[in-house]
PDB file of all heavy atoms in Angstrom:
ATOM      1  N   SER A   1     102.676 116.192  94.227  1.00  0.00           N
ATOM      2  CA  SER A   1     103.660 115.190  93.830  1.00  0.00           C
ATOM      3  C   SER A   1     103.918 114.150  94.914  1.00  0.00           C
ATOM      4  O   SER A   1     104.732 113.245  94.715  1.00  0.00           O
ATOM      5  CB  SER A   1     104.978 115.879  93.463  1.00  0.00           C
ATOM      6  OG  SER A   1     105.501 116.591  94.572  1.00  0.00           O
ATOM      7  N   GLY A   2     103.275 114.266  96.065  1.00  0.00           N
ATOM      8  CA  GLY A   2     103.416 113.261  97.113  1.00  0.00           C
ATOM      9  C   GLY A   2     104.534 113.524  98.098  1.00  0.00           C
ATOM     10  O   GLY A   2     104.866 112.657  98.907  1.00  0.00           O
ATOM     11  N   LYS A   3     105.107 114.729  98.099  1.00  0.00           N
ATOM     12  CA  LYS A   3     106.246 114.983  98.988  1.00  0.00           C
ATOM     13  C   LYS A   3     105.833 114.990 100.458  1.00  0.00           C
ATOM     14  O   LYS A   3     106.598 114.548 101.322  1.00  0.00           O
ATOM     15  CB  LYS A   3     106.949 116.285  98.609  1.00  0.00           C
ATOM     16  CG  LYS A   3     106.089 117.514  98.541  1.00  0.00           C
ATOM     17  CD  LYS A   3     106.880 118.692  97.990  1.00  0.00           C
ATOM     18  CE  LYS A   3     106.016 119.941  97.888  1.00  0.00           C
ATOM     19  NZ  LYS A   3     104.926 119.768  96.892  1.00  0.00           N
ATOM     20  N   THR A   4     104.625 115.485 100.773  1.00  0.00           N
ATOM     21  CA  THR A   4     104.170 115.459 102.166  1.00  0.00           C
ATOM     22  C   THR A   4     103.936 114.030 102.637  1.00  0.00           C
ATOM     23  O   THR A   4     104.278 113.676 103.769  1.00  0.00           O
ATOM     24  CB  THR A   4     102.880 116.285 102.328  1.00  0.00           C
ATOM     25  OG1 THR A   4     103.138 117.634 101.926  1.00  0.00           O
ATOM     26  CG2 THR A   4     102.410 116.284 103.770  1.00  0.00           C
ATOM     27  N   THR A   5     103.380 113.196 101.762  1.00  0.00           N
ATOM     28  CA  THR A   5     103.207 111.779 102.093  1.00  0.00           C
ATOM     29  C   THR A   5     104.559 111.134 102.380  1.00  0.00           C
ATOM     30  O   THR A   5     104.702 110.361 103.329  1.00  0.00           O
ATOM     31  CB  THR A   5     102.510 111.051 100.931  1.00  0.00           C
ATOM     32  OG1 THR A   5     101.207 111.609 100.742  1.00  0.00           O
ATOM     33  CG2 THR A   5     102.366 109.565 101.221  1.00  0.00           C
ATOM     34  N   SER A   6     105.568 111.479 101.585  1.00  0.00           N
ATOM     35  CA  SER A   6     106.907 110.936 101.806  1.00  0.00           C
ATOM     36  C   SER A   6     107.499 111.432 103.119  1.00  0.00           C
ATOM     37  O   SER A   6     108.176 110.685 103.827  1.00  0.00           O
ATOM     38  CB  SER A   6     107.830 111.313 100.637  1.00  0.00           C
ATOM     39  OG  SER A   6     107.385 110.737  99.432  1.00  0.00           O
ATOM     40  N   LEU A   7     107.241 112.703 103.446  1.00  0.00           N
ATOM     41  CA  LEU A   7     107.742 113.253 104.707  1.00  0.00           C
ATOM     42  C   LEU A   7     107.180 112.487 105.897  1.00  0.00           C
ATOM     43  O   LEU A   7     107.915 112.108 106.819  1.00  0.00           O
ATOM     44  CB  LEU A   7     107.372 114.731 104.804  1.00  0.00           C
ATOM     45  CG  LEU A   7     107.774 115.435 106.111  1.00  0.00           C
ATOM     46  CD1 LEU A   7     109.291 115.558 106.213  1.00  0.00           C
ATOM     47  CD2 LEU A   7     107.121 116.809 106.205  1.00  0.00           C
ATOM     48  N   TYR A   8     105.886 112.230 105.881  1.00  0.00           N
ATOM     49  CA  TYR A   8     105.270 111.491 106.984  1.00  0.00           C
ATOM     50  C   TYR A   8     105.762 110.049 107.036  1.00  0.00           C
ATOM     51  O   TYR A   8     105.923 109.478 108.127  1.00  0.00           O
ATOM     52  CB  TYR A   8     103.745 111.526 106.862  1.00  0.00           C
ATOM     53  CG  TYR A   8     103.127 112.791 107.410  1.00  0.00           C
ATOM     54  CD1 TYR A   8     102.445 113.672 106.589  1.00  0.00           C
ATOM     55  CD2 TYR A   8     103.238 113.121 108.756  1.00  0.00           C
ATOM     56  CE1 TYR A   8     101.883 114.840 107.090  1.00  0.00           C
ATOM     57  CE2 TYR A   8     102.681 114.277 109.267  1.00  0.00           C
ATOM     58  CZ  TYR A   8     102.005 115.133 108.429  1.00  0.00           C
ATOM     59  OH  TYR A   8     101.463 116.286 108.941  1.00  0.00           O
ATOM     60  N   ALA A   9     105.990 109.448 105.885  1.00  0.00           N
ATOM     61  CA  ALA A   9     106.527 108.086 105.871  1.00  0.00           C
ATOM     62  C   ALA A   9     107.912 108.055 106.513  1.00  0.00           C
ATOM     63  O   ALA A   9     108.249 107.120 107.256  1.00  0.00           O
ATOM     64  CB  ALA A   9     106.581 107.549 104.443  1.00  0.00           C
ATOM     65  N   CYS A  10     108.738 109.078 106.224  1.00  0.00           N
ATOM     66  CA  CYS A  10     110.068 109.161 106.847  1.00  0.00           C
ATOM     67  C   CYS A  10     109.952 109.323 108.359  1.00  0.00           C
ATOM     68  O   CYS A  10     110.718 108.721 109.131  1.00  0.00           O
ATOM     69  CB  CYS A  10     110.857 110.315 106.250  1.00  0.00           C
ATOM     70  SG  CYS A  10     111.409 110.059 104.549  1.00  0.00           S
ATOM     71  N   LEU A  11     108.997 110.137 108.806  1.00  0.00           N
ATOM     72  CA  LEU A  11     108.803 110.329 110.248  1.00  0.00           C
ATOM     73  C   LEU A  11     108.382 109.029 110.929  1.00  0.00           C
ATOM     74  O   LEU A  11     108.883 108.689 112.006  1.00  0.00           O
ATOM     75  CB  LEU A  11     107.745 111.406 110.495  1.00  0.00           C
ATOM     76  CG  LEU A  11     108.212 112.853 110.418  1.00  0.00           C
ATOM     77  CD1 LEU A  11     107.015 113.791 110.525  1.00  0.00           C
ATOM     78  CD2 LEU A  11     109.226 113.157 111.520  1.00  0.00           C
ATOM     79  N   ARG A  12     107.452 108.315 110.306  1.00  0.00           N
ATOM     80  CA  ARG A  12     107.028 107.034 110.894  1.00  0.00           C
ATOM     81  C   ARG A  12     108.171 106.034 110.913  1.00  0.00           C
ATOM     82  O   ARG A  12     108.311 105.247 111.852  1.00  0.00           O
ATOM     83  CB  ARG A  12     105.841 106.476 110.116  1.00  0.00           C
ATOM     84  CG  ARG A  12     104.569 107.310 110.222  1.00  0.00           C
ATOM     85  CD  ARG A  12     103.371 106.588 109.596  1.00  0.00           C
ATOM     86  NE  ARG A  12     102.214 107.457 109.541  1.00  0.00           N
ATOM     87  CZ  ARG A  12     101.861 108.174 108.468  1.00  0.00           C
ATOM     88  NH1 ARG A  12     102.591 108.082 107.366  1.00  0.00           N
ATOM     89  NH2 ARG A  12     100.799 108.940 108.496  1.00  0.00           N
ATOM     90  N   GLU A  13     108.988 106.063 109.866  1.00  0.00           N
ATOM     91  CA  GLU A  13     110.153 105.180 109.815  1.00  0.00           C
ATOM     92  C   GLU A  13     111.102 105.481 110.968  1.00  0.00           C
ATOM     93  O   GLU A  13     111.587 104.582 111.654  1.00  0.00           O
ATOM     94  CB  GLU A  13     110.863 105.362 108.477  1.00  0.00           C
ATOM     95  CG  GLU A  13     111.962 104.365 108.198  1.00  0.00           C
ATOM     96  CD  GLU A  13     111.438 103.000 107.815  1.00  0.00           C
ATOM     97  OE1 GLU A  13     110.301 102.896 107.321  1.00  0.00           O
ATOM     98  OE2 GLU A  13     112.194 102.017 108.003  1.00  0.00           O
ATOM     99  N   LEU A  14     111.365 106.759 111.184  1.00  0.00           N
ATOM    100  CA  LEU A  14     112.264 107.165 112.269  1.00  0.00           C
ATOM    101  C   LEU A  14     111.687 106.812 113.632  1.00  0.00           C
ATOM    102  O   LEU A  14     112.408 106.351 114.523  1.00  0.00           O
ATOM    103  CB  LEU A  14     112.530 108.667 112.178  1.00  0.00           C
ATOM    104  CG  LEU A  14     113.473 109.111 111.060  1.00  0.00           C
ATOM    105  CD1 LEU A  14     113.355 110.604 110.826  1.00  0.00           C
ATOM    106  CD2 LEU A  14     114.913 108.741 111.400  1.00  0.00           C
ATOM    107  N   ALA A  15     110.393 107.033 113.811  1.00  0.00           N
ATOM    108  CA  ALA A  15     109.761 106.720 115.091  1.00  0.00           C
ATOM    109  C   ALA A  15     109.823 105.225 115.381  1.00  0.00           C
ATOM    110  O   ALA A  15     110.079 104.808 116.521  1.00  0.00           O
ATOM    111  CB  ALA A  15     108.310 107.206 115.091  1.00  0.00           C
ATOM    112  N   ALA A  16     109.608 104.411 114.345  1.00  0.00           N
ATOM    113  CA  ALA A  16     109.645 102.959 114.534  1.00  0.00           C
ATOM    114  C   ALA A  16     111.055 102.472 114.826  1.00  0.00           C
ATOM    115  O   ALA A  16     111.268 101.602 115.677  1.00  0.00           O
ATOM    116  CB  ALA A  16     109.083 102.261 113.300  1.00  0.00           C
ATOM    117  N   ARG A  17     112.041 103.033 114.131  1.00  0.00           N
ATOM    118  CA  ARG A  17     113.427 102.597 114.341  1.00  0.00           C
ATOM    119  C   ARG A  17     113.961 103.019 115.704  1.00  0.00           C
ATOM    120  O   ARG A  17     114.728 102.282 116.332  1.00  0.00           O
ATOM    121  CB  ARG A  17     114.322 103.183 113.252  1.00  0.00           C
ATOM    122  CG  ARG A  17     114.091 102.634 111.858  1.00  0.00           C
ATOM    123  CD  ARG A  17     115.070 103.276 110.881  1.00  0.00           C
ATOM    124  NE  ARG A  17     114.828 102.906 109.502  1.00  0.00           N
ATOM    125  CZ  ARG A  17     115.581 103.298 108.482  1.00  0.00           C
ATOM    126  NH1 ARG A  17     116.624 104.072 108.703  1.00  0.00           N
ATOM    127  NH2 ARG A  17     115.283 102.925 107.247  1.00  0.00           N
ATOM    128  N   SER A  18     113.583 104.214 116.148  1.00  0.00           N
ATOM    129  CA  SER A  18     114.173 104.735 117.386  1.00  0.00           C
ATOM    130  C   SER A  18     113.572 104.118 118.639  1.00  0.00           C
ATOM    131  O   SER A  18     114.203 104.125 119.703  1.00  0.00           O
ATOM    132  CB  SER A  18     114.003 106.251 117.441  1.00  0.00           C
ATOM    133  OG  SER A  18     112.639 106.605 117.560  1.00  0.00           O
ATOM    134  N   ARG A  19     112.320 103.607 118.528  1.00  0.00           N
ATOM    135  CA  ARG A  19     111.642 102.987 119.681  1.00  0.00           C
ATOM    136  C   ARG A  19     111.683 103.909 120.906  1.00  0.00           C
ATOM    137  O   ARG A  19     111.917 103.475 122.019  1.00  0.00           O
ATOM    138  CB  ARG A  19     112.259 101.628 120.008  1.00  0.00           C
ATOM    139  CG  ARG A  19     112.155 100.610 118.877  1.00  0.00           C
ATOM    140  CD  ARG A  19     112.678  99.247 119.308  1.00  0.00           C
ATOM    141  NE  ARG A  19     114.083  99.317 119.686  1.00  0.00           N
ATOM    142  CZ  ARG A  19     115.092  99.260 118.829  1.00  0.00           C
ATOM    143  NH1 ARG A  19     114.866  99.151 117.541  1.00  0.00           N
ATOM    144  NH2 ARG A  19     116.351  99.314 119.255  1.00  0.00           N
ATOM    145  N   GLY A  20     111.475 105.202 120.667  1.00  0.00           N
ATOM    146  CA  GLY A  20     111.411 106.152 121.766  1.00  0.00           C
ATOM    147  C   GLY A  20     112.753 106.669 122.244  1.00  0.00           C
ATOM    148  O   GLY A  20     112.806 107.472 123.181  1.00  0.00           O
ATOM    149  N   GLU A  21     113.849 106.231 121.621  1.00  0.00           N
ATOM    150  CA  GLU A  21     115.178 106.632 122.088  1.00  0.00           C
ATOM    151  C   GLU A  21     115.676 107.919 121.439  1.00  0.00           C
ATOM    152  O   GLU A  21     116.751 108.405 121.784  1.00  0.00           O
ATOM    153  CB  GLU A  21     116.173 105.494 121.829  1.00  0.00           C
ATOM    154  CG  GLU A  21     115.857 104.242 122.636  1.00  0.00           C
ATOM    155  CD  GLU A  21     116.792 103.095 122.298  1.00  0.00           C
ATOM    156  OE1 GLU A  21     117.636 103.266 121.390  1.00  0.00           O
ATOM    157  OE2 GLU A  21     116.662 102.025 122.926  1.00  0.00           O
ATOM    158  N   ARG A  22     114.923 108.466 120.479  1.00  0.00           N
ATOM    159  CA  ARG A  22     115.272 109.745 119.872  1.00  0.00           C
ATOM    160  C   ARG A  22     114.096 110.702 120.026  1.00  0.00           C
ATOM    161  O   ARG A  22     112.929 110.296 119.960  1.00  0.00           O
ATOM    162  CB  ARG A  22     115.622 109.586 118.382  1.00  0.00           C
ATOM    163  CG  ARG A  22     116.813 108.699 118.115  1.00  0.00           C
ATOM    164  CD  ARG A  22     117.043 108.520 116.622  1.00  0.00           C
ATOM    165  NE  ARG A  22     117.687 109.681 116.005  1.00  0.00           N
ATOM    166  CZ  ARG A  22     117.983 109.749 114.704  1.00  0.00           C
ATOM    167  NH1 ARG A  22     117.670 108.742 113.900  1.00  0.00           N
ATOM    168  NH2 ARG A  22     118.585 110.801 114.209  1.00  0.00           N
ATOM    169  N   SER A  23     114.386 111.962 120.227  1.00  0.00           N
ATOM    170  CA  SER A  23     113.355 112.985 120.359  1.00  0.00           C
ATOM    171  C   SER A  23     113.008 113.516 118.975  1.00  0.00           C
ATOM    172  O   SER A  23     113.848 114.124 118.302  1.00  0.00           O
ATOM    173  CB  SER A  23     113.855 114.119 121.265  1.00  0.00           C
ATOM    174  OG  SER A  23     112.923 115.184 121.278  1.00  0.00           O
ATOM    175  N   LEU A  24     111.767 113.270 118.542  1.00  0.00           N
ATOM    176  CA  LEU A  24     111.298 113.682 117.224  1.00  0.00           C
ATOM    177  C   LEU A  24     110.239 114.765 117.383  1.00  0.00           C
ATOM    178  O   LEU A  24     109.287 114.605 118.161  1.00  0.00           O
ATOM    179  CB  LEU A  24     110.697 112.506 116.451  1.00  0.00           C
ATOM    180  CG  LEU A  24     111.652 111.469 115.840  1.00  0.00           C
ATOM    181  CD1 LEU A  24     112.348 110.643 116.914  1.00  0.00           C
ATOM    182  CD2 LEU A  24     110.897 110.543 114.891  1.00  0.00           C
ATOM    183  N   ALA A  25     110.383 115.862 116.666  1.00  0.00           N
ATOM    184  CA  ALA A  25     109.440 116.976 116.777  1.00  0.00           C
ATOM    185  C   ALA A  25     109.182 117.591 115.415  1.00  0.00           C
ATOM    186  O   ALA A  25     110.039 117.542 114.523  1.00  0.00           O
ATOM    187  CB  ALA A  25     109.981 118.036 117.739  1.00  0.00           C
ATOM    188  N   THR A  26     107.996 118.181 115.243  1.00  0.00           N
ATOM    189  CA  THR A  26     107.650 118.828 113.979  1.00  0.00           C
ATOM    190  C   THR A  26     107.061 120.207 114.240  1.00  0.00           C
ATOM    191  O   THR A  26     106.542 120.490 115.320  1.00  0.00           O
ATOM    192  CB  THR A  26     106.612 118.011 113.177  1.00  0.00           C
ATOM    193  OG1 THR A  26     105.318 118.155 113.783  1.00  0.00           O
ATOM    194  CG2 THR A  26     106.983 116.544 113.108  1.00  0.00           C
ATOM    195  N   LEU A  27     107.124 121.041 113.215  1.00  0.00           N
ATOM    196  CA  LEU A  27     106.377 122.292 113.181  1.00  0.00           C
ATOM    197  C   LEU A  27     105.745 122.361 111.801  1.00  0.00           C
ATOM    198  O   LEU A  27     106.458 122.414 110.787  1.00  0.00           O
ATOM    199  CB  LEU A  27     107.282 123.497 113.430  1.00  0.00           C
ATOM    200  CG  LEU A  27     106.554 124.843 113.511  1.00  0.00           C
ATOM    201  CD1 LEU A  27     105.510 124.829 114.626  1.00  0.00           C
ATOM    202  CD2 LEU A  27     107.523 125.985 113.727  1.00  0.00           C
ATOM    203  N   GLU A  28     104.420 122.351 111.761  1.00  0.00           N
ATOM    204  CA  GLU A  28     103.697 122.206 110.504  1.00  0.00           C
ATOM    205  C   GLU A  28     102.670 123.323 110.328  1.00  0.00           C
ATOM    206  O   GLU A  28     102.287 123.992 111.284  1.00  0.00           O
ATOM    207  CB  GLU A  28     103.005 120.835 110.456  1.00  0.00           C
ATOM    208  CG  GLU A  28     103.954 119.671 110.707  1.00  0.00           C
ATOM    209  CD  GLU A  28     103.245 118.339 110.888  1.00  0.00           C
ATOM    210  OE1 GLU A  28     102.517 117.941 109.954  1.00  0.00           O
ATOM    211  OE2 GLU A  28     103.397 117.711 111.938  1.00  0.00           O
ATOM    212  N   ASP A  29     102.205 123.480 109.107  1.00  0.00           N
ATOM    213  CA  ASP A  29     101.215 124.516 108.808  1.00  0.00           C
ATOM    214  C   ASP A  29     100.301 124.048 107.682  1.00  0.00           C
ATOM    215  O   ASP A  29     100.498 124.389 106.512  1.00  0.00           O
ATOM    216  CB  ASP A  29     101.927 125.812 108.407  1.00  0.00           C
ATOM    217  CG  ASP A  29     100.959 126.966 108.187  1.00  0.00           C
ATOM    218  OD1 ASP A  29      99.824 126.891 108.703  1.00  0.00           O
ATOM    219  OD2 ASP A  29     101.335 127.933 107.508  1.00  0.00           O
ATOM    220  N   PRO A  30      99.239 123.237 108.008  1.00  0.00           N
ATOM    221  CA  PRO A  30      98.882 122.736 109.329  1.00  0.00           C
ATOM    222  C   PRO A  30      99.375 121.300 109.507  1.00  0.00           C
ATOM    223  O   PRO A  30     100.005 120.739 108.605  1.00  0.00           O
ATOM    224  CB  PRO A  30      97.362 122.753 109.271  1.00  0.00           C
ATOM    225  CG  PRO A  30      97.072 122.378 107.834  1.00  0.00           C
ATOM    226  CD  PRO A  30      98.185 122.976 107.014  1.00  0.00           C
ATOM    227  N   ILE A  31      99.065 120.695 110.677  1.00  0.00           N
ATOM    228  CA  ILE A  31      99.304 119.263 110.881  1.00  0.00           C
ATOM    229  C   ILE A  31      98.330 118.499 109.991  1.00  0.00           C
ATOM    230  O   ILE A  31      97.127 118.720 110.043  1.00  0.00           O
ATOM    231  CB  ILE A  31      99.105 118.874 112.362  1.00  0.00           C
ATOM    232  CG1 ILE A  31     100.157 119.554 113.229  1.00  0.00           C
ATOM    233  CG2 ILE A  31      99.154 117.358 112.528  1.00  0.00           C
ATOM    234  CD1 ILE A  31      99.925 119.376 114.723  1.00  0.00           C
ATOM    235  N   GLU A  32      98.854 117.599 109.181  1.00  0.00           N
ATOM    236  CA  GLU A  32      98.013 116.896 108.220  1.00  0.00           C
ATOM    237  C   GLU A  32      97.757 115.442 108.598  1.00  0.00           C
ATOM    238  O   GLU A  32      96.842 114.826 108.074  1.00  0.00           O
ATOM    239  CB  GLU A  32      98.641 116.989 106.827  1.00  0.00           C
ATOM    240  CG  GLU A  32      98.738 118.433 106.345  1.00  0.00           C
ATOM    241  CD  GLU A  32      99.441 118.574 105.013  1.00  0.00           C
ATOM    242  OE1 GLU A  32      99.968 117.557 104.520  1.00  0.00           O
ATOM    243  OE2 GLU A  32      99.482 119.686 104.477  1.00  0.00           O
ATOM    244  N   ALA A  33      98.559 114.881 109.475  1.00  0.00           N
ATOM    245  CA  ALA A  33      98.355 113.514 109.937  1.00  0.00           C
ATOM    246  C   ALA A  33      99.054 113.347 111.279  1.00  0.00           C
ATOM    247  O   ALA A  33     100.137 113.907 111.493  1.00  0.00           O
ATOM    248  CB  ALA A  33      98.892 112.502 108.930  1.00  0.00           C
ATOM    249  N   ALA A  34      98.434 112.617 112.172  1.00  0.00           N
ATOM    250  CA  ALA A  34      99.031 112.352 113.482  1.00  0.00           C
ATOM    251  C   ALA A  34     100.009 111.186 113.368  1.00  0.00           C
ATOM    252  O   ALA A  34      99.690 110.154 112.772  1.00  0.00           O
ATOM    253  CB  ALA A  34      97.948 112.033 114.505  1.00  0.00           C
ATOM    254  N   VAL A  35     101.209 111.364 113.929  1.00  0.00           N
ATOM    255  CA  VAL A  35     102.244 110.331 113.879  1.00  0.00           C
ATOM    256  C   VAL A  35     102.611 109.949 115.309  1.00  0.00           C
ATOM    257  O   VAL A  35     103.189 110.766 116.037  1.00  0.00           O
ATOM    258  CB  VAL A  35     103.492 110.822 113.132  1.00  0.00           C
ATOM    259  CG1 VAL A  35     104.542 109.712 113.076  1.00  0.00           C
ATOM    260  CG2 VAL A  35     103.138 111.292 111.736  1.00  0.00           C
ATOM    261  N   PRO A  36     102.277 108.747 115.753  1.00  0.00           N
ATOM    262  CA  PRO A  36     102.632 108.325 117.118  1.00  0.00           C
ATOM    263  C   PRO A  36     104.140 108.391 117.349  1.00  0.00           C
ATOM    264  O   PRO A  36     104.934 108.052 116.465  1.00  0.00           O
ATOM    265  CB  PRO A  36     102.127 106.876 117.178  1.00  0.00           C
ATOM    266  CG  PRO A  36     101.063 106.785 116.130  1.00  0.00           C
ATOM    267  CD  PRO A  36     101.516 107.703 115.035  1.00  0.00           C
ATOM    268  N   GLY A  37     104.523 108.859 118.526  1.00  0.00           N
ATOM    269  CA  GLY A  37     105.932 108.942 118.868  1.00  0.00           C
ATOM    270  C   GLY A  37     106.608 110.223 118.438  1.00  0.00           C
ATOM    271  O   GLY A  37     107.814 110.391 118.639  1.00  0.00           O
ATOM    272  N   VAL A  38     105.841 111.147 117.835  1.00  0.00           N
ATOM    273  CA  VAL A  38     106.391 112.417 117.363  1.00  0.00           C
ATOM    274  C   VAL A  38     105.632 113.564 118.021  1.00  0.00           C
ATOM    275  O   VAL A  38     104.392 113.571 118.044  1.00  0.00           O
ATOM    276  CB  VAL A  38     106.277 112.542 115.834  1.00  0.00           C
ATOM    277  CG1 VAL A  38     106.859 113.877 115.360  1.00  0.00           C
ATOM    278  CG2 VAL A  38     106.992 111.382 115.145  1.00  0.00           C
ATOM    279  N   ALA A  39     106.351 114.534 118.575  1.00  0.00           N
ATOM    280  CA  ALA A  39     105.730 115.725 119.162  1.00  0.00           C
ATOM    281  C   ALA A  39     105.437 116.704 118.027  1.00  0.00           C
ATOM    282  O   ALA A  39     106.344 117.351 117.505  1.00  0.00           O
ATOM    283  CB  ALA A  39     106.659 116.354 120.191  1.00  0.00           C
ATOM    284  N   GLN A  40     104.169 116.801 117.651  1.00  0.00           N
ATOM    285  CA  GLN A  40     103.785 117.628 116.509  1.00  0.00           C
ATOM    286  C   GLN A  40     103.176 118.946 116.961  1.00  0.00           C
ATOM    287  O   GLN A  40     102.333 118.976 117.852  1.00  0.00           O
ATOM    288  CB  GLN A  40     102.788 116.867 115.624  1.00  0.00           C
ATOM    289  CG  GLN A  40     103.387 115.634 114.962  1.00  0.00           C
ATOM    290  CD  GLN A  40     102.359 114.835 114.192  1.00  0.00           C
ATOM    291  OE1 GLN A  40     101.797 113.875 114.709  1.00  0.00           O
ATOM    292  NE2 GLN A  40     102.111 115.233 112.939  1.00  0.00           N
ATOM    293  N   SER A  41     103.602 120.030 116.333  1.00  0.00           N
ATOM    294  CA  SER A  41     103.089 121.360 116.636  1.00  0.00           C
ATOM    295  C   SER A  41     102.657 122.034 115.347  1.00  0.00           C
ATOM    296  O   SER A  41     103.121 121.693 114.260  1.00  0.00           O
ATOM    297  CB  SER A  41     104.157 122.210 117.335  1.00  0.00           C
ATOM    298  OG  SER A  41     104.601 121.582 118.525  1.00  0.00           O
ATOM    299  N   GLN A  42     101.760 123.017 115.505  1.00  0.00           N
ATOM    300  CA  GLN A  42     101.186 123.685 114.348  1.00  0.00           C
ATOM    301  C   GLN A  42     101.346 125.190 114.473  1.00  0.00           C
ATOM    302  O   GLN A  42     101.207 125.761 115.557  1.00  0.00           O
ATOM    303  CB  GLN A  42      99.701 123.324 114.234  1.00  0.00           C
ATOM    304  CG  GLN A  42      98.990 123.938 113.053  1.00  0.00           C
ATOM    305  CD  GLN A  42      97.612 123.342 112.847  1.00  0.00           C
ATOM    306  OE1 GLN A  42      97.468 122.134 112.620  1.00  0.00           O
ATOM    307  NE2 GLN A  42      96.581 124.173 112.920  1.00  0.00           N
TER     308      GLN A  42
END
């Protein structure tokens, strides 16, 4: 249904808005796309 695509879009939105001023992290199973500015773990 596209929920993972929406999740990544929200992460990119947050990363762009924060300009590095917020700490963004994920825990995924598995990592499906790399998002600059986000500390991603699997």
